[in-house]
Amino acid sequence: MKTTISRRTFLKTGAAASFQICSARAAFTYTANEKIHFALIGIGGMGGKGVSCASGEQIVAAAEVDMNHAAQAVEKIKGGFKDAKFYTDYRRLFDEQKHLDAVWVATPDHHHFPATVRALEAGCHVYCEKPLCHDVYEVRKLRELAKAKKVVTQMGNQGHSGENVRLLCEWIWQGALGDVTEVHVRPPYNEMDFGSRNAGQPAQPPASLNWDLWQGIVKEREFRSGIHPASWRGWLDYGTGLLGDWFCHNGDGAIWGLKLTEADTCEVECEGEETNATNWAHECRVSWSFPKRGEMVPCVMRWSSGIYNDYVAKPMPKTIEPERIAATSQHPSAYYGTKGTAVSGWWMEGTRLFPETFMKEVGKPKEMIPRVKEGHENSFLNAIRTGGKASSDFDYAARLTEIMLIGNVATRVREKLSYDFRTGRFTNNDKANGMLKREPRKGWEFGYA
C-alpha cells in the first residue's frame, strides 16, 4: 500500500482530534521504531499469547472479567506498561480509548463478535482467536465490515501460516492426488472431555469473576459449575463445541486446498448423538457435500468425533507399507484422490503422501503460495506495518468459520440441509434459518441491528 505519511506524522498535525482517524487508518504505515498501540480483550488463557505479542509494541489498555484468572498477564502488563488502563467491561474500553491501532480478541467464542465488531467499527486492525464467531450472521457481518474498513485482520488458526498446509494445497492444485473426492477431519481422541456435556450444578461464581459481563450478549442464567474458565466450549450459548474448537485447525487444508470457499451452495447433514438442552453433541458425524468448483470435482467432507472418530472409515491404499499403517491413525485429516492419498497432522503439520513410494515418486510440489517466514502472529504485525495482508485474514477465515458453523446447525436440526453461501441462508429449512442469528440481550445490541 502506498503512503506518503506515517501515522505519527499524521498525529502531530493535529488532525487526530477528529474521529476520522479511524476511517483513515488503512492509509498509514509505521516507521521502524514506531510502536503499534494495542488493546487486549481477554488476557487469561489463550489471551496470554496476545499479551506476549503486544508486549513488543505498546499496550494501551486491557479488558478482563476475571483478573485473578489472568493474574500473570496483569502483572506482565503492569510491569512493562505502567500507563496501561485496565477494564472489566470492554464496552467502556472502546468508549474511552479513541486512538488505538490494533485489538487482540481472546475471549470465549460468544464474545468474539461483540468485541471484534466494536474494534472494526473503530477502524482498528484485529487479531481474533478461532473460531471467528459463534453464529453465521456474525461471521458474515465481520467479513463485510473488515473489507469495508480496509484494516488488517487475522484469525488464530496458526497452521494456516505453516509450510505443510501450503505443500498440501500445491500437491492438490498440481494434480498429484488426481481428483480429490472425499476428505475426513477429526479432533484428537483425548479431547472428547474438553467442553463437557455436563450441565453442571448451580453454584456461586468465583468472587473475582464478573458473571454478568462474562455472559455478555447471552440471556442471563444462573452460574453453574464446569463453565468457567474452560468448559464453556461445550455449552450451546457460549462455545461452538468440538467442531468449533478443532475444525478451524484440522479442516483448514480441506477448505483451502479444495477451494471450498468458492462453492455457491452445499448440502450438510449429521448423524449420531444429539445436542441436549444446554450442550453440544460430542459423538457425531457431520457431512458436507460440495458441488463442482471450477476444475475441482464434487466432493464430500466428513467430520467425525466420539464413536465416529474412526479415521480409517475409508480404507487407506492397499499398497501402503505395513510399518506406516499405524502412523496413519495419528493424522486428523485425510484426503482421498483418484491417484493417491494425503494426510495432515494437528494444526496441519506433518503433511505427507501415502504410500511412501508414492510420495517419493511425486516429489516436492512446485511452490505456488508465498511462505510466511515470520510466523502467524508476526505476520499480523508485519501486515500492519507495511499495509499488507495477514495470512488468515477475515475474508478467508470468515468463510472457513461459516462452513464449520453450518455444520453445527446440522447437529441441532438433524435434517439434510441445503445452504446458499450467496445469501447466507438455508433454502429448505426455516428452523435452521432461525439458528443463524440470535437476539442479544439489552445493552449488547451493538453490531446486531
Protein backbone atom coordinates (compact mmCIF):
# COMPACT_ATOMS: atom_id res chain seq x y z
CA MET A 1 0.00 0.00 0.00
CA LYS A 2 1.40 3.37 -1.00
CA THR A 3 1.54 6.19 1.50
CA THR A 4 3.30 9.48 1.88
CA ILE A 5 2.66 9.98 5.58
CA SER A 6 3.46 7.96 8.69
CA ARG A 7 0.92 7.53 11.45
CA ARG A 8 2.90 9.59 13.95
CA THR A 9 3.37 12.43 11.44
CA PHE A 10 -0.38 12.48 10.94
CA LEU A 11 -0.99 12.66 14.68
CA LYS A 12 1.38 15.60 15.04
CA THR A 13 -0.61 17.62 12.54
CA GLY A 14 -3.50 17.77 14.99
CA ALA A 15 -5.81 16.00 12.59
CA ALA A 16 -6.18 13.22 15.13
CA ALA A 17 -8.59 15.42 17.04
CA SER A 18 -11.13 14.28 14.51
CA PHE A 19 -12.65 10.82 14.81
CA GLN A 20 -11.81 10.46 11.11
CA ILE A 21 -8.52 8.94 12.26
CA CYS A 22 -10.40 5.63 12.33
CA SER A 23 -11.60 5.67 8.75
CA ALA A 24 -8.15 6.75 7.58
CA ARG A 25 -6.32 4.02 9.49
CA ALA A 26 -5.60 1.86 6.49
CA ALA A 27 -3.72 4.69 4.80
CA PHE A 28 -0.94 4.61 7.42
CA THR A 29 2.30 2.71 7.55
CA TYR A 30 4.59 2.70 10.55
CA THR A 31 8.18 3.82 10.85
CA ALA A 32 10.78 1.30 12.04
CA ASN A 33 10.79 2.46 15.67
CA GLU A 34 7.10 3.28 15.89
CA LYS A 35 5.03 1.17 18.26
CA ILE A 36 1.60 -0.19 17.45
CA HIS A 37 -0.89 0.84 20.13
CA PHE A 38 -2.74 -2.27 21.32
CA ALA A 39 -5.85 -3.02 23.34
CA LEU A 40 -6.24 -6.60 24.58
CA ILE A 41 -9.71 -8.10 25.10
CA GLY A 42 -9.37 -11.20 27.27
CA ILE A 43 -5.90 -11.74 28.76
CA GLY A 44 -6.35 -15.04 30.62
CA GLY A 45 -5.80 -18.45 29.00
CA MET A 46 -5.16 -18.01 25.26
CA GLY A 47 -5.11 -14.26 25.87
CA GLY A 48 -1.61 -14.66 27.26
CA LYS A 49 -0.37 -15.10 23.70
CA GLY A 50 -1.78 -11.69 22.82
CA VAL A 51 -0.05 -10.16 25.82
CA SER A 52 3.28 -11.62 24.72
CA CYS A 53 2.85 -10.48 21.13
CA ALA A 54 1.71 -6.96 22.04
CA SER A 55 4.46 -6.56 24.65
CA GLY A 56 6.88 -5.82 21.85
CA GLU A 57 4.60 -2.92 20.90
CA GLN A 58 2.64 -0.53 23.16
CA ILE A 59 -0.15 -1.95 25.33
CA VAL A 60 -2.56 0.89 25.99
CA ALA A 61 -5.47 -0.98 27.58
CA ALA A 62 -6.72 -4.42 28.52
CA ALA A 63 -10.14 -5.84 29.43
CA GLU A 64 -10.72 -8.95 31.52
CA VAL A 65 -13.74 -10.14 33.54
CA ASP A 66 -11.67 -12.26 35.96
CA MET A 67 -8.42 -10.57 36.93
CA ASN A 68 -7.46 -13.44 39.25
CA HIS A 69 -7.64 -15.91 36.38
CA ALA A 70 -5.41 -13.56 34.39
CA ALA A 71 -3.13 -12.54 37.28
CA GLN A 72 0.11 -13.42 35.48
CA ALA A 73 -0.87 -11.41 32.41
CA VAL A 74 -1.94 -8.46 34.56
CA GLU A 75 1.45 -8.36 36.27
CA LYS A 76 3.26 -8.60 32.95
CA ILE A 77 1.33 -5.67 31.53
CA LYS A 78 1.78 -3.56 34.66
CA GLY A 79 5.49 -4.32 34.69
CA GLY A 80 6.04 -3.20 31.12
CA PHE A 81 3.38 -0.54 30.60
CA LYS A 82 2.72 1.48 33.74
CA ASP A 83 0.20 3.74 31.97
CA ALA A 84 -1.91 0.87 30.60
CA LYS A 85 -5.51 1.06 31.73
CA PHE A 86 -7.50 -1.99 32.84
CA TYR A 87 -11.21 -2.54 32.31
CA THR A 88 -13.69 -5.20 33.34
CA ASP A 89 -16.12 -4.21 30.58
CA TYR A 90 -14.60 -3.85 27.11
CA ARG A 91 -17.53 -1.70 26.03
CA ARG A 92 -16.14 1.03 28.30
CA LEU A 93 -12.68 0.48 26.84
CA PHE A 94 -13.95 1.28 23.35
CA ASP A 95 -15.92 4.25 24.66
CA GLU A 96 -12.82 5.79 26.23
CA GLN A 97 -9.86 4.70 24.08
CA LYS A 98 -10.09 6.59 20.80
CA HIS A 99 -6.54 6.29 19.45
CA LEU A 100 -5.95 2.56 19.26
CA ASP A 101 -4.17 0.94 16.34
CA ALA A 102 -4.92 -2.74 16.92
CA VAL A 103 -7.05 -5.00 19.10
CA TRP A 104 -6.37 -8.59 20.14
CA VAL A 105 -9.50 -10.62 20.99
CA ALA A 106 -9.04 -13.81 23.04
CA THR A 107 -12.38 -14.25 24.81
CA PRO A 108 -14.77 -17.23 24.86
CA ASP A 109 -16.47 -17.71 21.49
CA HIS A 110 -19.69 -15.84 22.31
CA HIS A 111 -17.71 -12.61 22.88
CA HIS A 112 -15.70 -12.78 19.64
CA PHE A 113 -18.27 -10.89 17.61
CA PRO A 114 -19.29 -8.13 20.06
CA ALA A 115 -15.64 -7.35 20.81
CA THR A 116 -14.42 -7.60 17.22
CA VAL A 117 -17.26 -5.62 15.65
CA ARG A 118 -16.51 -2.73 18.04
CA ALA A 119 -12.83 -2.86 17.11
CA LEU A 120 -13.57 -2.85 13.39
CA GLU A 121 -16.07 -0.02 13.69
CA ALA A 122 -13.35 1.96 15.49
CA GLY A 123 -11.08 1.41 12.48
CA CYS A 124 -8.67 -0.90 14.34
CA HIS A 125 -6.67 -3.81 12.99
CA VAL A 126 -7.90 -7.01 14.65
CA TYR A 127 -6.46 -10.38 15.62
CA CYS A 128 -9.21 -12.74 16.85
CA GLU A 129 -8.74 -16.27 18.13
CA LYS A 130 -10.59 -19.11 16.41
CA PRO A 131 -13.36 -19.76 15.64
CA LEU A 132 -14.05 -16.29 14.35
CA CYS A 133 -17.65 -16.19 15.63
CA HIS A 134 -20.41 -18.14 17.33
CA ASP A 135 -23.13 -17.64 14.68
CA VAL A 136 -23.41 -17.35 10.90
CA TYR A 137 -24.84 -13.81 10.94
CA GLU A 138 -21.87 -12.65 12.99
CA VAL A 139 -19.21 -14.16 10.78
CA ARG A 140 -20.70 -12.74 7.58
CA LYS A 141 -21.03 -9.30 9.20
CA LEU A 142 -17.35 -9.29 10.24
CA ARG A 143 -16.19 -10.31 6.76
CA GLU A 144 -18.14 -7.47 5.15
CA LEU A 145 -17.08 -4.92 7.75
CA ALA A 146 -13.39 -5.83 7.60
CA LYS A 147 -13.49 -5.41 3.83
CA ALA A 148 -15.19 -2.02 4.12
CA LYS A 149 -12.78 -0.72 6.77
CA LYS A 150 -9.67 -1.89 4.85
CA VAL A 151 -7.86 -2.90 8.03
CA VAL A 152 -5.51 -5.82 8.68
CA THR A 153 -7.22 -8.87 10.18
CA GLN A 154 -6.10 -12.31 11.29
CA MET A 155 -7.78 -15.34 12.87
CA GLY A 156 -5.84 -17.55 15.26
CA ASN A 157 -5.65 -20.73 13.18
CA GLN A 158 -1.87 -20.81 13.38
CA GLY A 159 -1.37 -23.73 10.98
CA HIS A 160 -2.56 -21.55 8.11
CA SER A 161 0.80 -19.77 8.15
CA GLY A 162 2.76 -23.02 8.06
CA GLU A 163 4.73 -24.78 5.36
CA ASN A 164 2.73 -28.03 5.48
CA VAL A 165 -0.67 -26.64 4.55
CA ARG A 166 0.98 -24.96 1.57
CA LEU A 167 2.54 -28.24 0.45
CA LEU A 168 -0.86 -29.91 0.66
CA CYS A 169 -2.54 -27.21 -1.43
CA GLU A 170 0.21 -27.30 -4.02
CA TRP A 171 0.08 -31.10 -4.34
CA ILE A 172 -3.69 -30.93 -4.81
CA TRP A 173 -3.63 -27.99 -7.24
CA GLN A 174 -0.87 -29.58 -9.32
CA GLY A 175 -2.85 -32.80 -9.69
CA ALA A 176 -0.60 -35.09 -7.65
CA LEU A 177 -3.62 -36.74 -5.95
CA GLY A 178 -5.81 -36.71 -9.03
CA ASP A 179 -9.41 -35.71 -8.29
CA VAL A 180 -9.97 -35.45 -4.53
CA THR A 181 -13.49 -36.70 -3.89
CA GLU A 182 -13.53 -37.20 -0.13
CA VAL A 183 -11.89 -35.67 2.95
CA HIS A 184 -12.04 -36.81 6.57
CA VAL A 185 -11.39 -34.48 9.52
CA ARG A 186 -11.48 -35.27 13.24
CA PRO A 187 -10.45 -33.92 16.66
CA PRO A 188 -7.90 -35.63 18.94
CA TYR A 189 -9.16 -38.71 20.76
CA ASN A 190 -8.14 -37.24 24.12
CA GLU A 191 -10.13 -34.03 23.57
CA MET A 192 -13.54 -35.64 23.99
CA ASP A 193 -13.99 -34.32 27.52
CA PHE A 194 -12.87 -30.80 26.63
CA GLY A 195 -16.08 -28.82 26.58
CA SER A 196 -18.24 -31.00 28.81
CA ARG A 197 -21.80 -32.13 28.04
CA ASN A 198 -22.47 -31.95 31.76
CA ALA A 199 -24.85 -29.09 32.61
CA GLY A 200 -23.16 -28.76 35.99
CA GLN A 201 -24.74 -27.75 39.28
CA PRO A 202 -25.92 -24.32 40.49
CA ALA A 203 -23.04 -22.63 42.29
CA GLN A 204 -21.68 -19.29 43.38
CA PRO A 205 -19.37 -17.72 40.76
CA PRO A 206 -15.80 -17.04 41.87
CA ALA A 207 -15.55 -13.76 43.76
CA SER A 208 -13.10 -12.45 41.14
CA LEU A 209 -15.43 -13.19 38.21
CA ASN A 210 -17.97 -10.67 36.91
CA TRP A 211 -20.51 -13.28 35.88
CA ASP A 212 -22.93 -10.77 34.34
CA LEU A 213 -20.26 -9.39 31.99
CA TRP A 214 -18.93 -12.88 31.24
CA GLN A 215 -22.38 -13.82 29.86
CA GLY A 216 -22.30 -10.81 27.54
CA ILE A 217 -24.91 -10.97 24.78
CA VAL A 218 -26.38 -14.25 26.04
CA LYS A 219 -29.59 -14.38 28.03
CA GLU A 220 -28.96 -14.35 31.76
CA ARG A 221 -28.73 -17.67 33.58
CA GLU A 222 -27.50 -18.83 36.94
CA PHE A 223 -23.83 -19.69 37.29
CA ARG A 224 -23.11 -23.41 37.16
CA SER A 225 -20.09 -25.48 37.94
CA GLY A 226 -17.97 -26.53 34.98
CA ILE A 227 -18.37 -23.42 32.81
CA HIS A 228 -15.55 -21.10 33.84
CA PRO A 229 -12.70 -20.99 32.97
CA ALA A 230 -12.58 -23.63 30.19
CA SER A 231 -15.57 -25.99 29.83
CA TRP A 232 -17.73 -23.26 28.30
CA ARG A 233 -16.72 -24.67 24.90
CA GLY A 234 -19.26 -27.44 25.28
CA TRP A 235 -22.18 -25.10 26.03
CA LEU A 236 -24.54 -24.10 23.21
CA ASP A 237 -24.74 -20.49 24.39
CA TYR A 238 -21.04 -19.86 24.90
CA GLY A 239 -18.89 -22.17 22.76
CA THR A 240 -19.07 -23.97 19.44
CA GLY A 241 -18.30 -27.49 20.67
CA LEU A 242 -15.62 -29.87 19.47
CA LEU A 243 -16.35 -28.91 15.88
CA GLY A 244 -15.73 -25.23 16.61
CA ASP A 245 -12.67 -25.98 18.70
CA TRP A 246 -10.80 -28.13 16.18
CA PHE A 247 -12.23 -27.70 12.68
CA CYS A 248 -10.59 -24.33 12.05
CA HIS A 249 -7.24 -26.05 12.63
CA ASN A 250 -7.59 -29.54 11.17
CA GLY A 251 -10.11 -28.70 8.44
CA ASP A 252 -8.09 -25.77 7.10
CA GLY A 253 -6.33 -27.83 4.44
CA ALA A 254 -9.60 -29.14 3.06
CA ILE A 255 -11.18 -25.69 2.86
CA TRP A 256 -8.13 -24.07 1.26
CA GLY A 257 -6.80 -26.93 -0.84
CA LEU A 258 -10.15 -27.95 -2.30
CA LYS A 259 -11.29 -24.34 -2.76
CA LEU A 260 -14.49 -24.99 -0.83
CA THR A 261 -14.91 -21.26 -0.18
CA GLU A 262 -15.61 -20.88 -3.90
CA ALA A 263 -18.76 -23.02 -3.75
CA ASP A 264 -22.08 -21.21 -4.11
CA THR A 265 -24.03 -23.93 -2.34
CA CYS A 266 -23.59 -27.11 -0.32
CA GLU A 267 -25.60 -29.75 1.48
CA VAL A 268 -24.89 -30.67 5.09
CA GLU A 269 -26.26 -33.35 7.41
CA CYS A 270 -25.47 -35.01 10.72
CA GLU A 271 -25.81 -38.43 12.31
CA GLY A 272 -25.14 -39.68 15.82
CA GLU A 273 -25.57 -38.11 19.23
CA GLU A 274 -27.96 -35.17 19.53
CA THR A 275 -27.38 -31.90 21.33
CA ASN A 276 -29.12 -31.62 24.67
CA ALA A 277 -30.81 -28.53 26.10
CA THR A 278 -27.56 -26.85 27.06
CA ASN A 279 -24.61 -28.64 25.44
CA TRP A 280 -23.22 -29.58 22.05
CA ALA A 281 -23.08 -33.19 20.85
CA HIS A 282 -19.74 -34.98 21.12
CA GLU A 283 -20.24 -38.23 19.27
CA CYS A 284 -21.39 -37.45 15.76
CA ARG A 285 -20.51 -37.28 12.10
CA VAL A 286 -21.18 -34.17 10.03
CA SER A 287 -21.02 -34.44 6.23
CA TRP A 288 -20.82 -31.53 3.78
CA SER A 289 -21.42 -32.22 0.07
CA PHE A 290 -19.94 -29.61 -2.27
CA PRO A 291 -20.68 -29.25 -5.99
CA LYS A 292 -18.06 -28.68 -8.67
CA ARG A 293 -15.90 -25.58 -8.17
CA GLY A 294 -14.11 -24.53 -11.33
CA GLU A 295 -11.96 -27.53 -12.24
CA MET A 296 -12.49 -29.12 -8.81
CA VAL A 297 -14.82 -32.14 -8.90
CA PRO A 298 -17.69 -32.53 -6.43
CA CYS A 299 -16.51 -33.76 -3.04
CA VAL A 300 -17.68 -34.80 0.40
CA MET A 301 -16.04 -33.60 3.61
CA ARG A 302 -16.74 -35.54 6.80
CA TRP A 303 -16.16 -34.55 10.41
CA SER A 304 -16.07 -37.50 12.82
CA SER A 305 -15.89 -37.39 16.62
CA GLY A 306 -16.52 -39.76 19.51
CA ILE A 307 -17.55 -43.25 18.40
CA TYR A 308 -17.41 -41.95 14.82
CA ASN A 309 -13.78 -40.91 15.25
CA ASP A 310 -12.67 -43.91 13.23
CA TYR A 311 -10.31 -42.11 10.82
CA VAL A 312 -9.95 -45.12 8.50
CA ALA A 313 -13.64 -45.01 7.64
CA LYS A 314 -12.39 -45.04 4.07
CA PRO A 315 -9.58 -47.62 3.64
CA MET A 316 -6.04 -46.45 3.01
CA PRO A 317 -4.37 -47.62 -0.22
CA LYS A 318 -3.69 -51.36 -0.35
CA THR A 319 -0.13 -50.55 -1.35
CA ILE A 320 0.62 -48.72 1.90
CA GLU A 321 3.68 -50.07 3.69
CA PRO A 322 2.77 -52.18 6.78
CA GLU A 323 5.02 -50.10 9.02
CA ARG A 324 3.13 -46.95 8.02
CA ILE A 325 -0.41 -48.21 8.78
CA ALA A 326 -0.27 -47.35 12.48
CA ALA A 327 1.11 -43.90 11.70
CA THR A 328 -1.95 -43.01 9.62
CA SER A 329 -4.15 -43.04 12.72
CA GLN A 330 -2.10 -40.17 14.15
CA HIS A 331 -3.27 -37.81 11.42
CA PRO A 332 -6.56 -35.95 11.95
CA SER A 333 -7.20 -35.22 8.28
CA ALA A 334 -7.01 -37.38 5.16
CA TYR A 335 -7.55 -36.50 1.50
CA TYR A 336 -8.61 -39.29 -0.87
CA GLY A 337 -7.78 -38.76 -4.53
CA THR A 338 -8.05 -40.88 -7.63
CA LYS A 339 -4.24 -41.11 -7.83
CA GLY A 340 -3.24 -41.16 -4.18
CA THR A 341 -3.86 -40.17 -0.59
CA ALA A 342 -2.52 -37.32 1.55
CA VAL A 343 -2.67 -36.87 5.33
CA SER A 344 -2.01 -33.97 7.69
CA GLY A 345 -1.46 -33.74 11.44
CA TRP A 346 -2.67 -31.36 14.13
CA TRP A 347 -2.66 -27.72 13.06
CA MET A 348 -1.94 -29.04 9.53
CA GLU A 349 1.56 -30.22 10.47
CA GLY A 350 3.24 -33.32 9.04
CA THR A 351 1.58 -33.32 5.62
CA ARG A 352 2.69 -36.26 3.50
CA LEU A 353 1.53 -38.62 0.78
CA PHE A 354 0.80 -42.35 1.10
CA PRO A 355 2.13 -44.83 0.31
CA GLU A 356 5.76 -43.83 0.88
CA THR A 357 6.71 -44.94 -2.61
CA PHE A 358 4.05 -42.58 -3.98
CA MET A 359 5.49 -39.63 -2.05
CA LYS A 360 8.97 -40.36 -3.41
CA GLU A 361 7.62 -40.70 -6.92
CA VAL A 362 5.70 -37.39 -6.79
CA GLY A 363 8.39 -35.40 -5.02
CA LYS A 364 8.06 -31.90 -3.63
CA PRO A 365 5.46 -29.73 -5.41
CA LYS A 366 6.30 -26.56 -7.27
CA GLU A 367 5.96 -23.57 -4.95
CA MET A 368 2.81 -21.60 -5.74
CA ILE A 369 1.96 -19.93 -2.42
CA PRO A 370 4.25 -17.39 -0.71
CA ARG A 371 5.76 -18.69 2.54
CA VAL A 372 5.21 -16.99 5.91
CA LYS A 373 8.68 -16.89 7.43
CA GLU A 374 7.90 -14.71 10.44
CA GLY A 375 5.15 -16.87 11.97
CA HIS A 376 1.40 -16.44 12.30
CA GLU A 377 1.24 -13.70 14.93
CA ASN A 378 4.13 -11.71 13.47
CA SER A 379 2.56 -11.85 10.03
CA PHE A 380 -0.28 -9.83 11.56
CA LEU A 381 2.13 -7.25 12.95
CA ASN A 382 4.14 -7.06 9.73
CA ALA A 383 0.99 -6.55 7.68
CA ILE A 384 0.04 -3.62 9.91
CA ARG A 385 3.47 -2.06 9.48
CA THR A 386 3.63 -2.48 5.73
CA GLY A 387 -0.01 -2.04 4.77
CA GLY A 388 -0.02 -5.66 3.58
CA LYS A 389 -2.26 -8.64 4.22
CA ALA A 390 -2.07 -11.22 7.03
CA SER A 391 -2.14 -14.90 6.13
CA SER A 392 -5.58 -15.85 7.54
CA ASP A 393 -7.46 -12.61 7.10
CA PHE A 394 -11.17 -12.35 7.77
CA ASP A 395 -12.07 -12.72 4.10
CA TYR A 396 -10.78 -16.29 4.22
CA ALA A 397 -11.20 -17.04 7.94
CA ALA A 398 -14.86 -15.98 7.94
CA ARG A 399 -15.64 -18.33 5.06
CA LEU A 400 -13.82 -21.19 6.81
CA THR A 401 -15.74 -20.48 10.02
CA GLU A 402 -19.05 -20.21 8.15
CA ILE A 403 -18.65 -23.73 6.75
CA MET A 404 -17.99 -25.02 10.28
CA LEU A 405 -20.97 -23.13 11.70
CA ILE A 406 -23.50 -24.55 9.25
CA GLY A 407 -22.21 -27.96 10.33
CA ASN A 408 -23.05 -27.00 13.90
CA VAL A 409 -26.56 -26.04 12.81
CA ALA A 410 -26.91 -29.50 11.24
CA THR A 411 -26.01 -31.14 14.57
CA ARG A 412 -29.03 -29.38 16.09
CA VAL A 413 -31.60 -29.69 13.29
CA ARG A 414 -30.87 -33.33 12.37
CA GLU A 415 -32.17 -33.00 8.82
CA LYS A 416 -30.39 -32.73 5.49
CA LEU A 417 -29.91 -29.03 4.83
CA SER A 418 -29.21 -27.08 1.64
CA TYR A 419 -27.23 -23.89 2.18
CA ASP A 420 -26.70 -20.93 -0.15
CA PHE A 421 -23.41 -19.11 0.53
CA ARG A 422 -24.53 -16.20 -1.63
CA THR A 423 -27.42 -15.34 0.67
CA GLY A 424 -26.21 -16.90 3.92
CA ARG A 425 -29.49 -18.82 4.24
CA PHE A 426 -30.71 -22.41 4.16
CA THR A 427 -33.07 -22.94 1.24
CA ASN A 428 -35.09 -25.80 2.71
CA ASN A 429 -35.46 -25.35 6.46
CA ASP A 430 -36.91 -22.44 8.43
CA LYS A 431 -35.87 -23.95 11.77
CA ALA A 432 -32.25 -23.94 10.62
CA ASN A 433 -32.54 -20.34 9.45
CA GLY A 434 -33.75 -19.43 12.93
CA MET A 435 -30.35 -20.52 14.24
CA LEU A 436 -28.27 -18.23 12.04
CA LYS A 437 -28.61 -15.21 14.30
CA ARG A 438 -29.59 -14.77 17.93
CA GLU A 439 -31.01 -11.71 19.57
CA PRO A 440 -28.63 -10.06 22.07
CA ARG A 441 -29.86 -9.08 25.48
CA LYS A 442 -30.34 -5.45 26.40
CA GLY A 443 -27.14 -3.43 26.44
CA TRP A 444 -25.39 -5.70 23.92
CA GLU A 445 -27.19 -4.75 20.70
CA PHE A 446 -24.17 -3.10 19.05
CA GLY A 447 -23.48 -4.78 15.71
CA TYR A 448 -26.71 -6.80 15.62
CA ALA A 449 -29.02 -4.18 14.11
